[in-house]
Amino acid sequence: MPEFTSAYYNMSQGEDDRGPWNSDGDWEFIEDPQPAVGGGDGLVTVTVSGADVEVLQAMAARTASDISADPKTGADLGSGQAV
């Protein structure tokens, strides 16, 4: 969305700091933006076809986490503890 490419939205709720990241001429500084800057309600919504729903459900089942698994991780292996 090109209209948001060079916009800096001041989302802070206190004293505002300005610096090179938001004050040079390359940026449009939006002082008091609305939370949903694209005009929506701020919630994520997606429309998919019926065929895509089937594919997405199959993918969700295939990639679901196994909450009963407790695999060794890099943190476990690098901890110096016997695993």
PDB file of N, CA and C in Angstrom:
ATOM      1  N   MET A   1       0.843  -1.162   0.000  1.00  0.00           N
ATOM      2  CA  MET A   1       0.000   0.000   0.000  1.00  0.00           C
ATOM      3  C   MET A   1       0.898   1.238   0.000  1.00  0.00           C
ATOM      4  N   PRO A   2       1.122   1.797  -1.150  1.00  0.00           N
ATOM      5  CA  PRO A   2       2.059   2.919  -1.281  1.00  0.00           C
ATOM      6  C   PRO A   2       1.741   4.118  -0.395  1.00  0.00           C
ATOM      7  N   GLU A   3       0.468   4.338  -0.080  1.00  0.00           N
ATOM      8  CA  GLU A   3       0.133   5.520   0.720  1.00  0.00           C
ATOM      9  C   GLU A   3       0.684   5.443   2.142  1.00  0.00           C
ATOM     10  N   PHE A   4       1.108   4.255   2.580  1.00  0.00           N
ATOM     11  CA  PHE A   4       1.656   4.108   3.927  1.00  0.00           C
ATOM     12  C   PHE A   4       3.172   3.907   3.923  1.00  0.00           C
ATOM     13  N   THR A   5       3.784   3.890   2.756  1.00  0.00           N
ATOM     14  CA  THR A   5       5.209   3.592   2.638  1.00  0.00           C
ATOM     15  C   THR A   5       6.086   4.592   3.365  1.00  0.00           C
ATOM     16  N   SER A   6       5.767   5.863   3.285  1.00  0.00           N
ATOM     17  CA  SER A   6       6.608   6.898   3.885  1.00  0.00           C
ATOM     18  C   SER A   6       5.891   7.630   5.009  1.00  0.00           C
ATOM     19  N   ALA A   7       5.019   6.937   5.703  1.00  0.00           N
ATOM     20  CA  ALA A   7       4.288   7.555   6.811  1.00  0.00           C
ATOM     21  C   ALA A   7       4.815   7.011   8.132  1.00  0.00           C
ATOM     22  N   TYR A   8       5.027   7.905   9.093  1.00  0.00           N
ATOM     23  CA  TYR A   8       5.423   7.517  10.447  1.00  0.00           C
ATOM     24  C   TYR A   8       4.239   7.809  11.349  1.00  0.00           C
ATOM     25  N   TYR A   9       3.685   6.769  11.961  1.00  0.00           N
ATOM     26  CA  TYR A   9       2.513   6.912  12.819  1.00  0.00           C
ATOM     27  C   TYR A   9       2.951   7.000  14.270  1.00  0.00           C
ATOM     28  N   ASN A  10       2.689   8.130  14.888  1.00  0.00           N
ATOM     29  CA  ASN A  10       3.062   8.356  16.274  1.00  0.00           C
ATOM     30  C   ASN A  10       2.052   7.649  17.174  1.00  0.00           C
ATOM     31  N   MET A  11       2.375   6.428  17.588  1.00  0.00           N
ATOM     32  CA  MET A  11       1.460   5.638  18.408  1.00  0.00           C
ATOM     33  C   MET A  11       1.784   5.756  19.899  1.00  0.00           C
ATOM     34  N   SER A  12       2.745   6.599  20.256  1.00  0.00           N
ATOM     35  CA  SER A  12       3.117   6.730  21.660  1.00  0.00           C
ATOM     36  C   SER A  12       2.034   7.471  22.432  1.00  0.00           C
ATOM     37  N   GLN A  13       2.048   7.261  23.734  1.00  0.00           N
ATOM     38  CA  GLN A  13       1.052   7.896  24.594  1.00  0.00           C
ATOM     39  C   GLN A  13       1.746   8.719  25.663  1.00  0.00           C
ATOM     40  N   GLY A  14       2.636   9.528  25.281  1.00  0.00           N
ATOM     41  CA  GLY A  14       3.366  10.353  26.232  1.00  0.00           C
ATOM     42  C   GLY A  14       4.219  11.335  25.479  1.00  0.00           C
ATOM     43  N   GLU A  15       5.363  11.642  26.060  1.00  0.00           N
ATOM     44  CA  GLU A  15       6.274  12.571  25.414  1.00  0.00           C
ATOM     45  C   GLU A  15       6.792  11.957  24.115  1.00  0.00           C
ATOM     46  N   ASP A  16       6.767  12.732  23.069  1.00  0.00           N
ATOM     47  CA  ASP A  16       7.162  12.233  21.755  1.00  0.00           C
ATOM     48  C   ASP A  16       8.606  12.596  21.451  1.00  0.00           C
ATOM     49  N   ASP A  17       9.382  11.605  21.089  1.00  0.00           N
ATOM     50  CA  ASP A  17      10.750  11.843  20.651  1.00  0.00           C
ATOM     51  C   ASP A  17      10.768  11.876  19.141  1.00  0.00           C
ATOM     52  N   ARG A  18      11.469  12.838  18.604  1.00  0.00           N
ATOM     53  CA  ARG A  18      11.651  12.917  17.164  1.00  0.00           C
ATOM     54  C   ARG A  18      13.124  12.703  16.894  1.00  0.00           C
ATOM     55  N   GLY A  19      13.407  11.983  15.852  1.00  0.00           N
ATOM     56  CA  GLY A  19      14.781  11.723  15.472  1.00  0.00           C
ATOM     57  C   GLY A  19      14.860  11.527  13.979  1.00  0.00           C
ATOM     58  N   PRO A  20      16.009  11.102  13.472  1.00  0.00           N
ATOM     59  CA  PRO A  20      16.160  10.942  12.030  1.00  0.00           C
ATOM     60  C   PRO A  20      15.229   9.882  11.452  1.00  0.00           C
ATOM     61  N   TRP A  21      14.739   8.986  12.299  1.00  0.00           N
ATOM     62  CA  TRP A  21      13.842   7.938  11.821  1.00  0.00           C
ATOM     63  C   TRP A  21      12.438   8.459  11.539  1.00  0.00           C
ATOM     64  N   ASN A  22      12.099   9.654  12.012  1.00  0.00           N
ATOM     65  CA  ASN A  22      10.735  10.132  11.807  1.00  0.00           C
ATOM     66  C   ASN A  22      10.621  11.635  11.589  1.00  0.00           C
ATOM     67  N   SER A  23      11.728  12.310  11.325  1.00  0.00           N
ATOM     68  CA  SER A  23      11.605  13.762  11.235  1.00  0.00           C
ATOM     69  C   SER A  23      12.165  14.384   9.964  1.00  0.00           C
ATOM     70  N   ASP A  24      12.850  13.626   9.134  1.00  0.00           N
ATOM     71  CA  ASP A  24      13.371  14.272   7.928  1.00  0.00           C
ATOM     72  C   ASP A  24      12.273  14.402   6.880  1.00  0.00           C
ATOM     73  N   GLY A  25      12.581  15.018   5.780  1.00  0.00           N
ATOM     74  CA  GLY A  25      11.586  15.299   4.756  1.00  0.00           C
ATOM     75  C   GLY A  25      11.055  14.086   4.019  1.00  0.00           C
ATOM     76  N   ASP A  26      11.641  12.914   4.268  1.00  0.00           N
ATOM     77  CA  ASP A  26      11.184  11.704   3.585  1.00  0.00           C
ATOM     78  C   ASP A  26       9.948  11.094   4.228  1.00  0.00           C
ATOM     79  N   TRP A  27       9.576  11.578   5.409  1.00  0.00           N
ATOM     80  CA  TRP A  27       8.483  10.966   6.162  1.00  0.00           C
ATOM     81  C   TRP A  27       7.328  11.931   6.362  1.00  0.00           C
ATOM     82  N   GLU A  28       6.130  11.410   6.259  1.00  0.00           N
ATOM     83  CA  GLU A  28       4.939  12.156   6.659  1.00  0.00           C
ATOM     84  C   GLU A  28       4.660  11.744   8.101  1.00  0.00           C
ATOM     85  N   PHE A  29       4.747  12.676   9.032  1.00  0.00           N
ATOM     86  CA  PHE A  29       4.554  12.387  10.449  1.00  0.00           C
ATOM     87  C   PHE A  29       3.076  12.525  10.780  1.00  0.00           C
ATOM     88  N   ILE A  30       2.446  11.426  11.162  1.00  0.00           N
ATOM     89  CA  ILE A  30       1.029  11.421  11.523  1.00  0.00           C
ATOM     90  C   ILE A  30       0.962  11.527  13.045  1.00  0.00           C
ATOM     91  N   GLU A  31       0.605  12.702  13.542  1.00  0.00           N
ATOM     92  CA  GLU A  31       0.667  13.000  14.973  1.00  0.00           C
ATOM     93  C   GLU A  31      -0.297  12.166  15.806  1.00  0.00           C
ATOM     94  N   ASP A  32      -1.551  12.068  15.397  1.00  0.00           N
ATOM     95  CA  ASP A  32      -2.566  11.385  16.201  1.00  0.00           C
ATOM     96  C   ASP A  32      -3.358  10.431  15.306  1.00  0.00           C
ATOM     97  N   PRO A  33      -2.761   9.303  14.938  1.00  0.00           N
ATOM     98  CA  PRO A  33      -3.414   8.403  13.988  1.00  0.00           C
ATOM     99  C   PRO A  33      -4.558   7.612  14.616  1.00  0.00           C
ATOM    100  N   GLN A  34      -5.448   7.174  13.777  1.00  0.00           N
ATOM    101  CA  GLN A  34      -6.490   6.246  14.196  1.00  0.00           C
ATOM    102  C   GLN A  34      -5.885   4.846  14.193  1.00  0.00           C
ATOM    103  N   PRO A  35      -6.312   3.951  15.097  1.00  0.00           N
ATOM    104  CA  PRO A  35      -5.705   2.618  15.174  1.00  0.00           C
ATOM    105  C   PRO A  35      -5.757   1.821  13.874  1.00  0.00           C
ATOM    106  N   ALA A  36      -6.832   1.908  13.128  1.00  0.00           N
ATOM    107  CA  ALA A  36      -6.940   1.175  11.870  1.00  0.00           C
ATOM    108  C   ALA A  36      -6.697   2.154  10.727  1.00  0.00           C
ATOM    109  N   VAL A  37      -5.422   2.366  10.389  1.00  0.00           N
ATOM    110  CA  VAL A  37      -5.075   3.403   9.429  1.00  0.00           C
ATOM    111  C   VAL A  37      -5.562   3.109   8.022  1.00  0.00           C
ATOM    112  N   GLY A  38      -5.876   1.856   7.713  1.00  0.00           N
ATOM    113  CA  GLY A  38      -6.347   1.509   6.380  1.00  0.00           C
ATOM    114  C   GLY A  38      -7.843   1.702   6.216  1.00  0.00           C
ATOM    115  N   GLY A  39      -8.511   2.203   7.248  1.00  0.00           N
ATOM    116  CA  GLY A  39      -9.936   2.444   7.161  1.00  0.00           C
ATOM    117  C   GLY A  39     -10.783   1.280   7.643  1.00  0.00           C
ATOM    118  N   GLY A  40     -10.158   0.184   8.038  1.00  0.00           N
ATOM    119  CA  GLY A  40     -10.914  -0.967   8.516  1.00  0.00           C
ATOM    120  C   GLY A  40     -11.248  -0.846   9.984  1.00  0.00           C
ATOM    121  N   ASP A  41     -11.643  -1.972  10.558  1.00  0.00           N
ATOM    122  CA  ASP A  41     -12.007  -1.979  11.971  1.00  0.00           C
ATOM    123  C   ASP A  41     -10.856  -2.427  12.861  1.00  0.00           C
ATOM    124  N   GLY A  42      -9.700  -2.711  12.265  1.00  0.00           N
ATOM    125  CA  GLY A  42      -8.538  -3.124  13.035  1.00  0.00           C
ATOM    126  C   GLY A  42      -8.433  -4.623  13.222  1.00  0.00           C
ATOM    127  N   LEU A  43      -9.442  -5.358  12.793  1.00  0.00           N
ATOM    128  CA  LEU A  43      -9.428  -6.811  12.909  1.00  0.00           C
ATOM    129  C   LEU A  43      -8.974  -7.431  11.592  1.00  0.00           C
ATOM    130  N   VAL A  44      -8.379  -8.596  11.677  1.00  0.00           N
ATOM    131  CA  VAL A  44      -7.931  -9.290  10.481  1.00  0.00           C
ATOM    132  C   VAL A  44      -9.099 -10.077   9.903  1.00  0.00           C
ATOM    133  N   THR A  45      -9.384  -9.865   8.636  1.00  0.00           N
ATOM    134  CA  THR A  45     -10.425 -10.627   7.962  1.00  0.00           C
ATOM    135  C   THR A  45      -9.901 -11.095   6.614  1.00  0.00           C
ATOM    136  N   VAL A  46     -10.243 -12.312   6.261  1.00  0.00           N
ATOM    137  CA  VAL A  46      -9.800 -12.895   5.004  1.00  0.00           C
ATOM    138  C   VAL A  46     -10.981 -13.616   4.374  1.00  0.00           C
ATOM    139  N   THR A  47     -11.130 -13.476   3.078  1.00  0.00           N
ATOM    140  CA  THR A  47     -12.169 -14.192   2.354  1.00  0.00           C
ATOM    141  C   THR A  47     -11.494 -15.242   1.482  1.00  0.00           C
ATOM    142  N   VAL A  48     -11.905 -16.499   1.627  1.00  0.00           N
ATOM    143  CA  VAL A  48     -11.346 -17.579   0.818  1.00  0.00           C
ATOM    144  C   VAL A  48     -12.481 -18.399   0.221  1.00  0.00           C
ATOM    145  N   SER A  49     -12.176 -19.059  -0.868  1.00  0.00           N
ATOM    146  CA  SER A  49     -13.175 -19.898  -1.526  1.00  0.00           C
ATOM    147  C   SER A  49     -13.353 -21.202  -0.752  1.00  0.00           C
ATOM    148  N   GLY A  50     -14.407 -21.925  -1.056  1.00  0.00           N
ATOM    149  CA  GLY A  50     -14.658 -23.213  -0.414  1.00  0.00           C
ATOM    150  C   GLY A  50     -13.525 -24.193  -0.640  1.00  0.00           C
ATOM    151  N   ALA A  51     -12.979 -24.212  -1.856  1.00  0.00           N
ATOM    152  CA  ALA A  51     -11.857 -25.111  -2.157  1.00  0.00           C
ATOM    153  C   ALA A  51     -10.636 -24.734  -1.326  1.00  0.00           C
ATOM    154  N   ASP A  52     -10.407 -23.432  -1.160  1.00  0.00           N
ATOM    155  CA  ASP A  52      -9.271 -22.996  -0.355  1.00  0.00           C
ATOM    156  C   ASP A  52      -9.461 -23.343   1.118  1.00  0.00           C
ATOM    157  N   VAL A  53     -10.702 -23.330   1.594  1.00  0.00           N
ATOM    158  CA  VAL A  53     -10.969 -23.708   2.983  1.00  0.00           C
ATOM    159  C   VAL A  53     -10.524 -25.144   3.217  1.00  0.00           C
ATOM    160  N   GLU A  54     -10.833 -26.034   2.286  1.00  0.00           N
ATOM    161  CA  GLU A  54     -10.409 -27.433   2.417  1.00  0.00           C
ATOM    162  C   GLU A  54      -8.891 -27.541   2.463  1.00  0.00           C
ATOM    163  N   VAL A  55      -8.211 -26.828   1.587  1.00  0.00           N
ATOM    164  CA  VAL A  55      -6.748 -26.857   1.555  1.00  0.00           C
ATOM    165  C   VAL A  55      -6.182 -26.310   2.862  1.00  0.00           C
ATOM    166  N   LEU A  56      -6.736 -25.210   3.350  1.00  0.00           N
ATOM    167  CA  LEU A  56      -6.251 -24.606   4.589  1.00  0.00           C
ATOM    168  C   LEU A  56      -6.483 -25.515   5.789  1.00  0.00           C
ATOM    169  N   GLN A  57      -7.619 -26.194   5.824  1.00  0.00           N
ATOM    170  CA  GLN A  57      -7.887 -27.120   6.923  1.00  0.00           C
ATOM    171  C   GLN A  57      -6.923 -28.304   6.884  1.00  0.00           C
ATOM    172  N   ALA A  58      -6.633 -28.812   5.689  1.00  0.00           N
ATOM    173  CA  ALA A  58      -5.676 -29.914   5.559  1.00  0.00           C
ATOM    174  C   ALA A  58      -4.282 -29.460   5.994  1.00  0.00           C
ATOM    175  N   MET A  59      -3.899 -28.253   5.605  1.00  0.00           N
ATOM    176  CA  MET A  59      -2.591 -27.734   5.992  1.00  0.00           C
ATOM    177  C   MET A  59      -2.519 -27.534   7.507  1.00  0.00           C
ATOM    178  N   ALA A  60      -3.586 -27.021   8.103  1.00  0.00           N
ATOM    179  CA  ALA A  60      -3.605 -26.814   9.549  1.00  0.00           C
ATOM    180  C   ALA A  60      -3.451 -28.141  10.283  1.00  0.00           C
ATOM    181  N   ALA A  61      -4.112 -29.182   9.800  1.00  0.00           N
ATOM    182  CA  ALA A  61      -3.994 -30.501  10.428  1.00  0.00           C
ATOM    183  C   ALA A  61      -2.577 -31.050  10.257  1.00  0.00           C
ATOM    184  N   ARG A  62      -2.002 -30.853   9.080  1.00  0.00           N
ATOM    185  CA  ARG A  62      -0.670 -31.388   8.781  1.00  0.00           C
ATOM    186  C   ARG A  62       0.418 -30.678   9.577  1.00  0.00           C
ATOM    187  N   THR A  63       0.241 -29.398   9.846  1.00  0.00           N
ATOM    188  CA  THR A  63       1.292 -28.622  10.507  1.00  0.00           C
ATOM    189  C   THR A  63       0.994 -28.330  11.980  1.00  0.00           C
ATOM    190  N   ALA A  64      -0.050 -28.934  12.522  1.00  0.00           N
ATOM    191  CA  ALA A  64      -0.420 -28.682  13.918  1.00  0.00           C
ATOM    192  C   ALA A  64       0.677 -29.161  14.864  1.00  0.00           C
ATOM    193  N   SER A  65       0.863 -28.434  15.937  1.00  0.00           N
ATOM    194  CA  SER A  65       1.843 -28.817  16.948  1.00  0.00           C
ATOM    195  C   SER A  65       1.339 -30.009  17.741  1.00  0.00           C
ATOM    196  N   ASP A  66       2.275 -30.849  18.142  1.00  0.00           N
ATOM    197  CA  ASP A  66       1.957 -31.970  19.022  1.00  0.00           C
ATOM    198  C   ASP A  66       2.250 -31.502  20.439  1.00  0.00           C
ATOM    199  N   ILE A  67       1.207 -31.124  21.184  1.00  0.00           N
ATOM    200  CA  ILE A  67       1.431 -30.546  22.508  1.00  0.00           C
ATOM    201  C   ILE A  67       1.944 -31.563  23.520  1.00  0.00           C
ATOM    202  N   SER A  68       1.899 -32.855  23.177  1.00  0.00           N
ATOM    203  CA  SER A  68       2.431 -33.860  24.095  1.00  0.00           C
ATOM    204  C   SER A  68       3.921 -34.106  23.857  1.00  0.00           C
ATOM    205  N   ALA A  69       4.469 -33.576  22.779  1.00  0.00           N
ATOM    206  CA  ALA A  69       5.888 -33.777  22.463  1.00  0.00           C
ATOM    207  C   ALA A  69       6.752 -32.853  23.313  1.00  0.00           C
ATOM    208  N   ASP A  70       7.931 -33.314  23.657  1.00  0.00           N
ATOM    209  CA  ASP A  70       8.890 -32.506  24.402  1.00  0.00           C
ATOM    210  C   ASP A  70      10.273 -32.711  23.786  1.00  0.00           C
ATOM    211  N   PRO A  71      10.462 -32.249  22.547  1.00  0.00           N
ATOM    212  CA  PRO A  71      11.733 -32.500  21.865  1.00  0.00           C
ATOM    213  C   PRO A  71      12.864 -31.672  22.466  1.00  0.00           C
ATOM    214  N   LYS A  72      14.076 -32.155  22.293  1.00  0.00           N
ATOM    215  CA  LYS A  72      15.247 -31.393  22.715  1.00  0.00           C
ATOM    216  C   LYS A  72      15.404 -30.210  21.764  1.00  0.00           C
ATOM    217  N   THR A  73      15.707 -29.074  22.329  1.00  0.00           N
ATOM    218  CA  THR A  73      15.898 -27.876  21.522  1.00  0.00           C
ATOM    219  C   THR A  73      17.358 -27.458  21.574  1.00  0.00           C
ATOM    220  N   GLY A  74      17.712 -26.489  20.778  1.00  0.00           N
ATOM    221  CA  GLY A  74      19.065 -25.953  20.815  1.00  0.00           C
ATOM    222  C   GLY A  74      19.402 -25.399  22.190  1.00  0.00           C
ATOM    223  N   ALA A  75      18.413 -24.816  22.868  1.00  0.00           N
ATOM    224  CA  ALA A  75      18.647 -24.302  24.217  1.00  0.00           C
ATOM    225  C   ALA A  75      18.972 -25.442  25.173  1.00  0.00           C
ATOM    226  N   ASP A  76      18.269 -26.575  25.028  1.00  0.00           N
ATOM    227  CA  ASP A  76      18.563 -27.744  25.863  1.00  0.00           C
ATOM    228  C   ASP A  76      19.977 -28.242  25.598  1.00  0.00           C
ATOM    229  N   LEU A  77      20.321 -28.364  24.345  1.00  0.00           N
ATOM    230  CA  LEU A  77      21.621 -28.915  23.979  1.00  0.00           C
ATOM    231  C   LEU A  77      22.764 -28.002  24.392  1.00  0.00           C
ATOM    232  N   GLY A  78      22.547 -26.691  24.373  1.00  0.00           N
ATOM    233  CA  GLY A  78      23.603 -25.747  24.717  1.00  0.00           C
ATOM    234  C   GLY A  78      23.646 -25.370  26.182  1.00  0.00           C
ATOM    235  N   SER A  79      22.786 -25.949  26.998  1.00  0.00           N
ATOM    236  CA  SER A  79      22.701 -25.546  28.398  1.00  0.00           C
ATOM    237  C   SER A  79      23.820 -26.112  29.259  1.00  0.00           C
ATOM    238  N   GLY A  80      24.527 -27.116  28.757  1.00  0.00           N
ATOM    239  CA  GLY A  80      25.577 -27.742  29.552  1.00  0.00           C
ATOM    240  C   GLY A  80      25.047 -28.831  30.463  1.00  0.00           C
ATOM    241  N   GLN A  81      23.744 -28.966  30.535  1.00  0.00           N
ATOM    242  CA  GLN A  81      23.116 -30.011  31.335  1.00  0.00           C
ATOM    243  C   GLN A  81      23.074 -31.300  30.526  1.00  0.00           C
ATOM    244  N   ALA A  82      23.134 -32.417  31.193  1.00  0.00           N
ATOM    245  CA  ALA A  82      22.986 -33.698  30.499  1.00  0.00           C
ATOM    246  C   ALA A  82      21.552 -33.810  30.011  1.00  0.00           C
ATOM    247  N   VAL A  83      21.399 -34.172  28.757  1.00  0.00           N
ATOM    248  CA  VAL A  83      20.044 -34.320  28.198  1.00  0.00           C
ATOM    249  C   VAL A  83      19.807 -35.738  27.758  1.00  0.00           C
TER     250      VAL A  83
END
